[in-house]
Amino acid sequence: MLTTLQAFEKFRQTLELSDTEKRDASKRHNEVRECIRAGFAVANDFLSGSYKRHTKTKPLKDVDVMFVLGEKEKWRRPKPPVEILEAFERCLKKKYTEQGQVEIGRRSVTVVLEKNWYPDDHQGKVLSIDAVPAFALNGDEYEIPDKITGEWIKTNPTKHREQATAKNEELDGHWVPLVKMGKGWNRANGNLVKPSFLLEVMAEELVESPFSTYPDEVRNFFSGMEANIGRTWADPAGLGPSVSDQMTPERIAEARKGLQEAQRKAALAARAEQTGRQGEALRIWREILGDYFPLS
């Protein structure tokens, strides 16, 4: 039977994207890119978000593609942000015609892929692609629409990526897998922390070197998040609104409760391991971190 450390190492490897998943993701996001390019004057488009930062969990959901609109689309910038999202929605619905397959989100338009392409037993599912409209500012800064605030907000995906890379290097490559494990907990428990990028932002501050072991660091991360989930967490690029602006008092309370439960279960898993009940320890860790956590 796997030891806990062996199980976490296998879990880490499982969370890495396979070549099949990378090819599938490339095919799907390129189809979305071709569709938007056909409908708009696009100066540039590129992958962004957690997929580009290598912190995306499996199965792949909300793979972000940013579309930088060109000069011929500048007339859209003075309009309410929701109008460009609606225009992207109309464009994508010409290709993705199934009911409910194209959905307007807060700052993007989501194409839900699972409904058309995948059998239930497919292992490399790409569940959705997010098309993000943008206008270029200076350097690596962009403006993107925010349906909730009704404003165009600034963002710098390059800076976000550079900060994540630096943190991962600081922790000798352990930070990205730890973030993925945290996101696995979040997804397995109903996405208590919203958006998932908030979990990354917290991990940049709360996870410190030297790194010990994944079981210990996961428990420490749960504890740190519980203590700090009620804080206002600024955009690490210093441009947009706070990353924690979706965390209402009710959501904060639910997240704190979930993090307390995760710590309680992690303590039970450690006790089971110490008393020779290794199978039970692994089952508890799977309850905490989701179905990708191995039992054998």
C-alpha atoms as a PDB file:
ATOM      1  CA  MET A   1       0.000   0.000   0.000  1.00  0.00           C
ATOM      2  CA  LEU A   2       1.141   3.533  -0.695  1.00  0.00           C
ATOM      3  CA  THR A   3       2.562   5.579   2.142  1.00  0.00           C
ATOM      4  CA  THR A   4       1.062   9.036   2.521  1.00  0.00           C
ATOM      5  CA  LEU A   5       4.154  10.666   1.025  1.00  0.00           C
ATOM      6  CA  GLN A   6       4.055   8.268  -1.920  1.00  0.00           C
ATOM      7  CA  ALA A   7       0.364   8.976  -2.427  1.00  0.00           C
ATOM      8  CA  PHE A   8       0.988  12.736  -2.456  1.00  0.00           C
ATOM      9  CA  GLU A   9       3.797  12.314  -4.978  1.00  0.00           C
ATOM     10  CA  LYS A  10       1.507  10.229  -7.201  1.00  0.00           C
ATOM     11  CA  PHE A  11      -1.189  12.873  -6.720  1.00  0.00           C
ATOM     12  CA  ARG A  12       1.276  15.571  -7.783  1.00  0.00           C
ATOM     13  CA  GLN A  13       2.103  13.638 -10.942  1.00  0.00           C
ATOM     14  CA  THR A  14      -1.584  13.018 -11.682  1.00  0.00           C
ATOM     15  CA  LEU A  15      -2.295  16.751 -11.527  1.00  0.00           C
ATOM     16  CA  GLU A  16       0.228  17.410 -14.303  1.00  0.00           C
ATOM     17  CA  LEU A  17      -1.305  17.618 -17.764  1.00  0.00           C
ATOM     18  CA  SER A  18      -0.703  14.672 -20.047  1.00  0.00           C
ATOM     19  CA  ASP A  19       0.288  15.109 -23.679  1.00  0.00           C
ATOM     20  CA  THR A  20      -3.243  14.024 -24.635  1.00  0.00           C
ATOM     21  CA  GLU A  21      -4.775  16.699 -22.434  1.00  0.00           C
ATOM     22  CA  LYS A  22      -2.441  19.358 -23.798  1.00  0.00           C
ATOM     23  CA  ARG A  23      -3.320  18.403 -27.390  1.00  0.00           C
ATOM     24  CA  ASP A  24      -7.027  18.373 -26.579  1.00  0.00           C
ATOM     25  CA  ALA A  25      -6.842  21.755 -24.873  1.00  0.00           C
ATOM     26  CA  SER A  26      -4.906  23.180 -27.813  1.00  0.00           C
ATOM     27  CA  LYS A  27      -7.489  21.906 -30.296  1.00  0.00           C
ATOM     28  CA  ARG A  28     -10.416  23.307 -28.305  1.00  0.00           C
ATOM     29  CA  HIS A  29      -9.011  26.751 -27.566  1.00  0.00           C
ATOM     30  CA  ASN A  30      -7.797  27.140 -31.162  1.00  0.00           C
ATOM     31  CA  GLU A  31     -11.340  26.450 -32.386  1.00  0.00           C
ATOM     32  CA  VAL A  32     -12.626  29.242 -30.143  1.00  0.00           C
ATOM     33  CA  ARG A  33      -9.841  31.541 -31.313  1.00  0.00           C
ATOM     34  CA  GLU A  34     -10.684  30.942 -34.971  1.00  0.00           C
ATOM     35  CA  CYS A  35     -14.342  31.687 -34.285  1.00  0.00           C
ATOM     36  CA  ILE A  36     -13.635  35.025 -32.564  1.00  0.00           C
ATOM     37  CA  ARG A  37     -11.051  36.032 -35.183  1.00  0.00           C
ATOM     38  CA  ALA A  38     -13.660  35.494 -37.896  1.00  0.00           C
ATOM     39  CA  GLY A  39     -16.101  37.832 -36.158  1.00  0.00           C
ATOM     40  CA  PHE A  40     -13.866  40.619 -34.851  1.00  0.00           C
ATOM     41  CA  ALA A  41     -10.768  42.582 -35.760  1.00  0.00           C
ATOM     42  CA  VAL A  42      -8.346  40.908 -33.352  1.00  0.00           C
ATOM     43  CA  ALA A  43      -4.874  42.420 -33.008  1.00  0.00           C
ATOM     44  CA  ASN A  44      -3.577  39.568 -30.858  1.00  0.00           C
ATOM     45  CA  ASP A  45      -4.863  36.606 -28.873  1.00  0.00           C
ATOM     46  CA  PHE A  46      -3.067  34.490 -26.301  1.00  0.00           C
ATOM     47  CA  LEU A  47      -3.562  32.075 -23.445  1.00  0.00           C
ATOM     48  CA  SER A  48      -3.779  33.667 -20.014  1.00  0.00           C
ATOM     49  CA  GLY A  49      -5.066  32.887 -16.540  1.00  0.00           C
ATOM     50  CA  SER A  50      -4.217  29.799 -14.523  1.00  0.00           C
ATOM     51  CA  TYR A  51      -3.708  27.622 -17.611  1.00  0.00           C
ATOM     52  CA  LYS A  52      -0.844  29.884 -18.686  1.00  0.00           C
ATOM     53  CA  ARG A  53       0.462  30.048 -15.090  1.00  0.00           C
ATOM     54  CA  HIS A  54       0.391  26.210 -14.939  1.00  0.00           C
ATOM     55  CA  THR A  55      -1.857  26.267 -11.859  1.00  0.00           C
ATOM     56  CA  LYS A  56      -4.978  24.941 -13.581  1.00  0.00           C
ATOM     57  CA  THR A  57      -6.502  21.834 -11.996  1.00  0.00           C
ATOM     58  CA  LYS A  58      -8.029  18.834 -13.741  1.00  0.00           C
ATOM     59  CA  PRO A  59     -10.407  18.337 -15.388  1.00  0.00           C
ATOM     60  CA  LEU A  60      -9.596  21.498 -17.336  1.00  0.00           C
ATOM     61  CA  LYS A  61     -12.248  24.164 -16.902  1.00  0.00           C
ATOM     62  CA  ASP A  62     -12.271  27.860 -17.838  1.00  0.00           C
ATOM     63  CA  VAL A  63      -9.125  27.834 -19.967  1.00  0.00           C
ATOM     64  CA  ASP A  64      -8.667  31.564 -20.592  1.00  0.00           C
ATOM     65  CA  VAL A  65      -7.929  33.063 -24.002  1.00  0.00           C
ATOM     66  CA  MET A  66      -7.500  36.833 -24.096  1.00  0.00           C
ATOM     67  CA  PHE A  67      -8.495  38.585 -27.326  1.00  0.00           C
ATOM     68  CA  VAL A  68      -6.871  41.990 -27.786  1.00  0.00           C
ATOM     69  CA  LEU A  69      -9.173  43.901 -30.114  1.00  0.00           C
ATOM     70  CA  GLY A  70      -7.713  46.045 -32.888  1.00  0.00           C
ATOM     71  CA  GLU A  71      -8.263  49.587 -34.111  1.00  0.00           C
ATOM     72  CA  LYS A  72     -11.458  48.755 -35.991  1.00  0.00           C
ATOM     73  CA  GLU A  73     -13.060  47.657 -32.710  1.00  0.00           C
ATOM     74  CA  LYS A  74     -12.115  50.773 -30.705  1.00  0.00           C
ATOM     75  CA  TRP A  75     -15.638  52.145 -31.122  1.00  0.00           C
ATOM     76  CA  ARG A  76     -16.770  49.488 -28.656  1.00  0.00           C
ATOM     77  CA  ARG A  77     -14.588  50.779 -25.800  1.00  0.00           C
ATOM     78  CA  PRO A  78     -16.883  53.709 -24.751  1.00  0.00           C
ATOM     79  CA  LYS A  79     -19.866  51.347 -24.642  1.00  0.00           C
ATOM     80  CA  PRO A  80     -20.999  49.547 -21.453  1.00  0.00           C
ATOM     81  CA  PRO A  81     -18.736  46.516 -20.891  1.00  0.00           C
ATOM     82  CA  VAL A  82     -21.622  44.060 -21.124  1.00  0.00           C
ATOM     83  CA  GLU A  83     -22.096  44.964 -24.797  1.00  0.00           C
ATOM     84  CA  ILE A  84     -18.757  43.473 -25.886  1.00  0.00           C
ATOM     85  CA  LEU A  85     -19.550  40.345 -23.862  1.00  0.00           C
ATOM     86  CA  GLU A  86     -22.910  40.091 -25.624  1.00  0.00           C
ATOM     87  CA  ALA A  87     -21.190  40.556 -28.986  1.00  0.00           C
ATOM     88  CA  PHE A  88     -18.755  37.727 -28.196  1.00  0.00           C
ATOM     89  CA  GLU A  89     -21.709  35.599 -27.097  1.00  0.00           C
ATOM     90  CA  ARG A  90     -23.540  36.143 -30.402  1.00  0.00           C
ATOM     91  CA  CYS A  91     -20.412  35.321 -32.366  1.00  0.00           C
ATOM     92  CA  LEU A  92     -19.687  32.104 -30.485  1.00  0.00           C
ATOM     93  CA  LYS A  93     -23.286  30.927 -30.638  1.00  0.00           C
ATOM     94  CA  LYS A  94     -22.990  30.743 -34.432  1.00  0.00           C
ATOM     95  CA  LYS A  95     -20.557  27.866 -33.971  1.00  0.00           C
ATOM     96  CA  TYR A  96     -21.548  26.455 -30.585  1.00  0.00           C
ATOM     97  CA  THR A  97     -25.266  26.025 -31.060  1.00  0.00           C
ATOM     98  CA  GLU A  98     -26.330  23.666 -28.260  1.00  0.00           C
ATOM     99  CA  GLN A  99     -28.612  25.249 -25.654  1.00  0.00           C
ATOM    100  CA  GLY A 100     -26.604  26.523 -22.716  1.00  0.00           C
ATOM    101  CA  GLN A 101     -23.268  25.891 -24.406  1.00  0.00           C
ATOM    102  CA  VAL A 102     -22.301  29.591 -24.536  1.00  0.00           C
ATOM    103  CA  GLU A 103     -22.637  31.599 -21.326  1.00  0.00           C
ATOM    104  CA  ILE A 104     -21.749  35.176 -20.414  1.00  0.00           C
ATOM    105  CA  GLY A 105     -19.625  35.346 -17.291  1.00  0.00           C
ATOM    106  CA  ARG A 106     -18.372  38.255 -15.262  1.00  0.00           C
ATOM    107  CA  ARG A 107     -15.398  39.124 -17.463  1.00  0.00           C
ATOM    108  CA  SER A 108     -15.533  36.578 -20.263  1.00  0.00           C
ATOM    109  CA  VAL A 109     -17.800  34.422 -22.389  1.00  0.00           C
ATOM    110  CA  THR A 110     -17.599  30.725 -21.623  1.00  0.00           C
ATOM    111  CA  VAL A 111     -17.919  27.950 -24.179  1.00  0.00           C
ATOM    112  CA  VAL A 112     -18.980  24.767 -22.405  1.00  0.00           C
ATOM    113  CA  LEU A 113     -17.450  21.857 -24.299  1.00  0.00           C
ATOM    114  CA  GLU A 114     -18.382  18.815 -22.244  1.00  0.00           C
ATOM    115  CA  LYS A 115     -21.915  18.652 -23.621  1.00  0.00           C
ATOM    116  CA  ASN A 116     -20.934  17.883 -27.203  1.00  0.00           C
ATOM    117  CA  TRP A 117     -17.559  16.225 -27.319  1.00  0.00           C
ATOM    118  CA  TYR A 118     -16.882  13.828 -24.485  1.00  0.00           C
ATOM    119  CA  PRO A 119     -18.097  10.408 -23.380  1.00  0.00           C
ATOM    120  CA  ASP A 120     -18.399   9.990 -19.627  1.00  0.00           C
ATOM    121  CA  ASP A 121     -15.219   7.909 -19.379  1.00  0.00           C
ATOM    122  CA  HIS A 122     -12.993  10.356 -21.303  1.00  0.00           C
ATOM    123  CA  GLN A 123      -9.899  11.065 -19.183  1.00  0.00           C
ATOM    124  CA  GLY A 124      -8.668  14.335 -20.691  1.00  0.00           C
ATOM    125  CA  LYS A 125     -11.752  16.483 -20.589  1.00  0.00           C
ATOM    126  CA  VAL A 126     -11.527  20.162 -21.384  1.00  0.00           C
ATOM    127  CA  LEU A 127     -14.763  21.326 -19.834  1.00  0.00           C
ATOM    128  CA  SER A 128     -14.808  24.928 -21.004  1.00  0.00           C
ATOM    129  CA  ILE A 129     -12.932  27.767 -22.689  1.00  0.00           C
ATOM    130  CA  ASP A 130     -13.252  31.404 -21.566  1.00  0.00           C
ATOM    131  CA  ALA A 131     -13.012  34.089 -24.259  1.00  0.00           C
ATOM    132  CA  VAL A 132     -11.872  37.353 -22.648  1.00  0.00           C
ATOM    133  CA  PRO A 133     -12.268  40.600 -24.682  1.00  0.00           C
ATOM    134  CA  ALA A 134      -9.519  43.149 -24.078  1.00  0.00           C
ATOM    135  CA  PHE A 135      -8.105  46.462 -25.249  1.00  0.00           C
ATOM    136  CA  ALA A 136      -4.384  47.157 -25.038  1.00  0.00           C
ATOM    137  CA  LEU A 137      -3.030  49.920 -22.812  1.00  0.00           C
ATOM    138  CA  ASN A 138       0.683  50.341 -22.153  1.00  0.00           C
ATOM    139  CA  GLY A 139       3.158  47.489 -22.278  1.00  0.00           C
ATOM    140  CA  ASP A 140       1.584  44.348 -20.816  1.00  0.00           C
ATOM    141  CA  GLU A 141      -1.432  46.146 -19.367  1.00  0.00           C
ATOM    142  CA  TYR A 142      -4.940  45.653 -20.745  1.00  0.00           C
ATOM    143  CA  GLU A 143      -8.515  46.663 -20.037  1.00  0.00           C
ATOM    144  CA  ILE A 144     -11.160  43.945 -19.817  1.00  0.00           C
ATOM    145  CA  PRO A 145     -14.935  44.244 -19.256  1.00  0.00           C
ATOM    146  CA  ASP A 146     -16.525  43.595 -15.876  1.00  0.00           C
ATOM    147  CA  LYS A 147     -20.248  42.870 -16.133  1.00  0.00           C
ATOM    148  CA  ILE A 148     -20.826  43.148 -12.387  1.00  0.00           C
ATOM    149  CA  THR A 149     -19.234  46.548 -11.790  1.00  0.00           C
ATOM    150  CA  GLY A 150     -20.169  47.881 -15.241  1.00  0.00           C
ATOM    151  CA  GLU A 151     -16.609  49.137 -15.687  1.00  0.00           C
ATOM    152  CA  TRP A 152     -13.525  48.347 -17.735  1.00  0.00           C
ATOM    153  CA  ILE A 153     -10.852  47.099 -15.367  1.00  0.00           C
ATOM    154  CA  LYS A 154      -7.097  46.986 -15.809  1.00  0.00           C
ATOM    155  CA  THR A 155      -5.117  43.764 -15.703  1.00  0.00           C
ATOM    156  CA  ASN A 156      -1.591  42.553 -16.356  1.00  0.00           C
ATOM    157  CA  PRO A 157      -1.554  38.783 -16.987  1.00  0.00           C
ATOM    158  CA  THR A 158       2.185  38.837 -17.694  1.00  0.00           C
ATOM    159  CA  LYS A 159       2.921  40.217 -14.236  1.00  0.00           C
ATOM    160  CA  HIS A 160       0.625  37.641 -12.642  1.00  0.00           C
ATOM    161  CA  ARG A 161       2.492  34.883 -14.468  1.00  0.00           C
ATOM    162  CA  GLU A 162       5.920  36.247 -13.553  1.00  0.00           C
ATOM    163  CA  GLN A 163       4.985  36.463  -9.876  1.00  0.00           C
ATOM    164  CA  ALA A 164       3.692  32.888  -9.848  1.00  0.00           C
ATOM    165  CA  THR A 165       6.843  31.658 -11.594  1.00  0.00           C
ATOM    166  CA  ALA A 166       9.079  33.466  -9.111  1.00  0.00           C
ATOM    167  CA  LYS A 167       7.200  31.982  -6.148  1.00  0.00           C
ATOM    168  CA  ASN A 168       7.417  28.504  -7.626  1.00  0.00           C
ATOM    169  CA  GLU A 169      11.169  28.887  -8.114  1.00  0.00           C
ATOM    170  CA  GLU A 170      11.539  30.176  -4.547  1.00  0.00           C
ATOM    171  CA  LEU A 171       9.979  26.920  -3.323  1.00  0.00           C
ATOM    172  CA  ASP A 172      12.004  24.701  -5.693  1.00  0.00           C
ATOM    173  CA  GLY A 173       9.019  23.834  -7.872  1.00  0.00           C
ATOM    174  CA  HIS A 174       6.737  22.789  -5.001  1.00  0.00           C
ATOM    175  CA  TRP A 175       4.461  25.840  -5.027  1.00  0.00           C
ATOM    176  CA  VAL A 176       2.539  25.110  -8.249  1.00  0.00           C
ATOM    177  CA  PRO A 177       1.636  21.530  -7.197  1.00  0.00           C
ATOM    178  CA  LEU A 178       0.588  22.796  -3.762  1.00  0.00           C
ATOM    179  CA  VAL A 179      -1.694  25.389  -5.369  1.00  0.00           C
ATOM    180  CA  LYS A 180      -3.220  22.693  -7.559  1.00  0.00           C
ATOM    181  CA  MET A 181      -3.853  20.577  -4.456  1.00  0.00           C
ATOM    182  CA  GLY A 182      -5.524  23.538  -2.778  1.00  0.00           C
ATOM    183  CA  LYS A 183      -7.680  24.045  -5.831  1.00  0.00           C
ATOM    184  CA  GLY A 184      -8.524  20.330  -5.741  1.00  0.00           C
ATOM    185  CA  TRP A 185      -9.848  20.814  -2.214  1.00  0.00           C
ATOM    186  CA  ASN A 186     -11.767  23.896  -3.318  1.00  0.00           C
ATOM    187  CA  ARG A 187     -13.424  22.134  -6.261  1.00  0.00           C
ATOM    188  CA  ALA A 188     -14.212  19.010  -4.212  1.00  0.00           C
ATOM    189  CA  ASN A 189     -15.981  21.206  -1.655  1.00  0.00           C
ATOM    190  CA  GLY A 190     -18.167  23.331  -3.880  1.00  0.00           C
ATOM    191  CA  ASN A 191     -15.715  26.156  -4.675  1.00  0.00           C
ATOM    192  CA  LEU A 192     -15.861  27.811  -1.282  1.00  0.00           C
ATOM    193  CA  VAL A 193     -13.086  30.232  -2.264  1.00  0.00           C
ATOM    194  CA  LYS A 194     -14.090  32.403  -5.226  1.00  0.00           C
ATOM    195  CA  PRO A 195     -12.523  33.046  -7.623  1.00  0.00           C
ATOM    196  CA  SER A 196      -9.928  30.270  -7.595  1.00  0.00           C
ATOM    197  CA  PHE A 197      -7.328  32.934  -8.413  1.00  0.00           C
ATOM    198  CA  LEU A 198      -7.838  34.175  -4.845  1.00  0.00           C
ATOM    199  CA  LEU A 199      -6.446  30.878  -3.623  1.00  0.00           C
ATOM    200  CA  GLU A 200      -3.316  31.499  -5.712  1.00  0.00           C
ATOM    201  CA  VAL A 201      -2.944  35.032  -4.392  1.00  0.00           C
ATOM    202  CA  MET A 202      -3.206  33.808  -0.811  1.00  0.00           C
ATOM    203  CA  ALA A 203      -0.683  31.042  -1.519  1.00  0.00           C
ATOM    204  CA  GLU A 204       1.870  33.591  -2.749  1.00  0.00           C
ATOM    205  CA  GLU A 205       1.890  35.224   0.676  1.00  0.00           C
ATOM    206  CA  LEU A 206       1.018  32.379   3.037  1.00  0.00           C
ATOM    207  CA  VAL A 207       3.280  29.594   1.759  1.00  0.00           C
ATOM    208  CA  GLU A 208       6.879  30.205   2.780  1.00  0.00           C
ATOM    209  CA  SER A 209      10.195  28.443   2.382  1.00  0.00           C
ATOM    210  CA  PRO A 210      11.650  26.101   3.376  1.00  0.00           C
ATOM    211  CA  PHE A 211       9.103  23.630   2.035  1.00  0.00           C
ATOM    212  CA  SER A 212       8.619  20.534   4.207  1.00  0.00           C
ATOM    213  CA  THR A 213       6.260  17.846   2.852  1.00  0.00           C
ATOM    214  CA  TYR A 214       3.030  18.119   0.873  1.00  0.00           C
ATOM    215  CA  PRO A 215       0.818  16.733   3.691  1.00  0.00           C
ATOM    216  CA  ASP A 216       2.271  19.214   6.189  1.00  0.00           C
ATOM    217  CA  GLU A 217       2.226  22.146   3.773  1.00  0.00           C
ATOM    218  CA  VAL A 218      -1.373  21.426   2.723  1.00  0.00           C
ATOM    219  CA  ARG A 219      -2.424  21.470   6.375  1.00  0.00           C
ATOM    220  CA  ASN A 220      -0.478  24.688   6.973  1.00  0.00           C
ATOM    221  CA  PHE A 221      -2.086  26.253   3.909  1.00  0.00           C
ATOM    222  CA  PHE A 222      -5.565  25.359   5.168  1.00  0.00           C
ATOM    223  CA  SER A 223      -4.709  26.958   8.513  1.00  0.00           C
ATOM    224  CA  GLY A 224      -3.304  30.096   6.892  1.00  0.00           C
ATOM    225  CA  MET A 225      -6.320  30.480   4.626  1.00  0.00           C
ATOM    226  CA  GLU A 226      -8.723  30.049   7.536  1.00  0.00           C
ATOM    227  CA  ALA A 227      -6.980  32.830   9.460  1.00  0.00           C
ATOM    228  CA  ASN A 228      -6.848  35.185   6.471  1.00  0.00           C
ATOM    229  CA  ILE A 229      -9.912  34.411   4.356  1.00  0.00           C
ATOM    230  CA  GLY A 230     -11.704  37.505   5.664  1.00  0.00           C
ATOM    231  CA  ARG A 231      -8.999  39.904   4.515  1.00  0.00           C
ATOM    232  CA  THR A 232      -9.186  42.105   1.451  1.00  0.00           C
ATOM    233  CA  TRP A 233      -6.713  40.652  -1.053  1.00  0.00           C
ATOM    234  CA  ALA A 234      -5.500  43.157  -3.622  1.00  0.00           C
ATOM    235  CA  ASP A 235      -4.731  42.417  -7.254  1.00  0.00           C
ATOM    236  CA  PRO A 236      -1.039  41.384  -7.099  1.00  0.00           C
ATOM    237  CA  ALA A 237      -0.381  43.458 -10.232  1.00  0.00           C
ATOM    238  CA  GLY A 238      -1.757  46.516  -8.411  1.00  0.00           C
ATOM    239  CA  LEU A 239      -4.221  47.383 -11.187  1.00  0.00           C
ATOM    240  CA  GLY A 240      -7.656  45.818 -10.889  1.00  0.00           C
ATOM    241  CA  PRO A 241     -10.201  45.509  -8.088  1.00  0.00           C
ATOM    242  CA  SER A 242      -9.472  43.305  -5.103  1.00  0.00           C
ATOM    243  CA  VAL A 243      -9.272  39.620  -5.958  1.00  0.00           C
ATOM    244  CA  SER A 244     -11.446  38.861  -2.929  1.00  0.00           C
ATOM    245  CA  ASP A 245     -14.389  41.031  -3.970  1.00  0.00           C
ATOM    246  CA  GLN A 246     -16.643  37.990  -4.447  1.00  0.00           C
ATOM    247  CA  MET A 247     -16.144  36.860  -0.846  1.00  0.00           C
ATOM    248  CA  THR A 248     -19.234  38.168   0.925  1.00  0.00           C
ATOM    249  CA  PRO A 249     -19.513  37.743   4.708  1.00  0.00           C
ATOM    250  CA  GLU A 250     -21.668  34.667   4.095  1.00  0.00           C
ATOM    251  CA  ARG A 251     -19.116  33.122   1.740  1.00  0.00           C
ATOM    252  CA  ILE A 252     -16.287  33.942   4.127  1.00  0.00           C
ATOM    253  CA  ALA A 253     -18.120  32.124   6.907  1.00  0.00           C
ATOM    254  CA  GLU A 254     -18.744  29.083   4.694  1.00  0.00           C
ATOM    255  CA  ALA A 255     -15.135  29.012   3.504  1.00  0.00           C
ATOM    256  CA  ARG A 256     -13.824  29.292   7.047  1.00  0.00           C
ATOM    257  CA  LYS A 257     -16.075  26.426   8.109  1.00  0.00           C
ATOM    258  CA  GLY A 258     -14.865  24.313   5.184  1.00  0.00           C
ATOM    259  CA  LEU A 259     -11.225  25.042   5.969  1.00  0.00           C
ATOM    260  CA  GLN A 260     -11.750  24.091   9.601  1.00  0.00           C
ATOM    261  CA  GLU A 261     -13.299  20.811   8.461  1.00  0.00           C
ATOM    262  CA  ALA A 262     -10.377  20.171   6.115  1.00  0.00           C
ATOM    263  CA  GLN A 263      -7.940  20.651   8.985  1.00  0.00           C
ATOM    264  CA  ARG A 264      -9.971  18.353  11.218  1.00  0.00           C
ATOM    265  CA  LYS A 265      -9.943  15.621   8.566  1.00  0.00           C
ATOM    266  CA  ALA A 266      -6.232  16.115   7.895  1.00  0.00           C
ATOM    267  CA  ALA A 267      -5.569  15.557  11.600  1.00  0.00           C
ATOM    268  CA  LEU A 268      -7.652  12.376  11.447  1.00  0.00           C
ATOM    269  CA  ALA A 269      -5.662  11.213   8.432  1.00  0.00           C
ATOM    270  CA  ALA A 270      -2.387  11.806  10.273  1.00  0.00           C
ATOM    271  CA  ARG A 271      -3.673   9.898  13.304  1.00  0.00           C
ATOM    272  CA  ALA A 272      -4.799   7.002  11.127  1.00  0.00           C
ATOM    273  CA  GLU A 273      -1.362   6.847   9.530  1.00  0.00           C
ATOM    274  CA  GLN A 274       0.402   6.932  12.898  1.00  0.00           C
ATOM    275  CA  THR A 275      -1.710   4.048  14.200  1.00  0.00           C
ATOM    276  CA  GLY A 276      -1.169   1.805  11.191  1.00  0.00           C
ATOM    277  CA  ARG A 277      -4.498   2.437   9.432  1.00  0.00           C
ATOM    278  CA  GLN A 278      -2.916   3.538   6.174  1.00  0.00           C
ATOM    279  CA  GLY A 279      -5.871   2.703   3.950  1.00  0.00           C
ATOM    280  CA  GLU A 280      -8.113   4.881   6.093  1.00  0.00           C
ATOM    281  CA  ALA A 281      -5.556   7.698   6.012  1.00  0.00           C
ATOM    282  CA  LEU A 282      -5.573   7.700   2.199  1.00  0.00           C
ATOM    283  CA  ARG A 283      -9.368   7.585   2.048  1.00  0.00           C
ATOM    284  CA  ILE A 284      -9.576  10.622   4.307  1.00  0.00           C
ATOM    285  CA  TRP A 285      -7.092  12.522   2.169  1.00  0.00           C
ATOM    286  CA  ARG A 286      -9.213  11.697  -0.879  1.00  0.00           C
ATOM    287  CA  GLU A 287     -12.271  13.120   0.923  1.00  0.00           C
ATOM    288  CA  ILE A 288     -10.296  16.322   1.465  1.00  0.00           C
ATOM    289  CA  LEU A 289      -8.585  16.719  -1.904  1.00  0.00           C
ATOM    290  CA  GLY A 290     -10.930  15.052  -4.375  1.00  0.00           C
ATOM    291  CA  ASP A 291     -11.117  11.956  -6.524  1.00  0.00           C
ATOM    292  CA  TYR A 292      -7.731  12.411  -8.195  1.00  0.00           C
ATOM    293  CA  PHE A 293      -6.024  11.571  -4.905  1.00  0.00           C
ATOM    294  CA  PRO A 294      -4.856   7.927  -5.194  1.00  0.00           C
ATOM    295  CA  LEU A 295      -5.806   5.072  -2.903  1.00  0.00           C
ATOM    296  CA  SER A 296      -3.344   2.627  -4.425  1.00  0.00           C
END
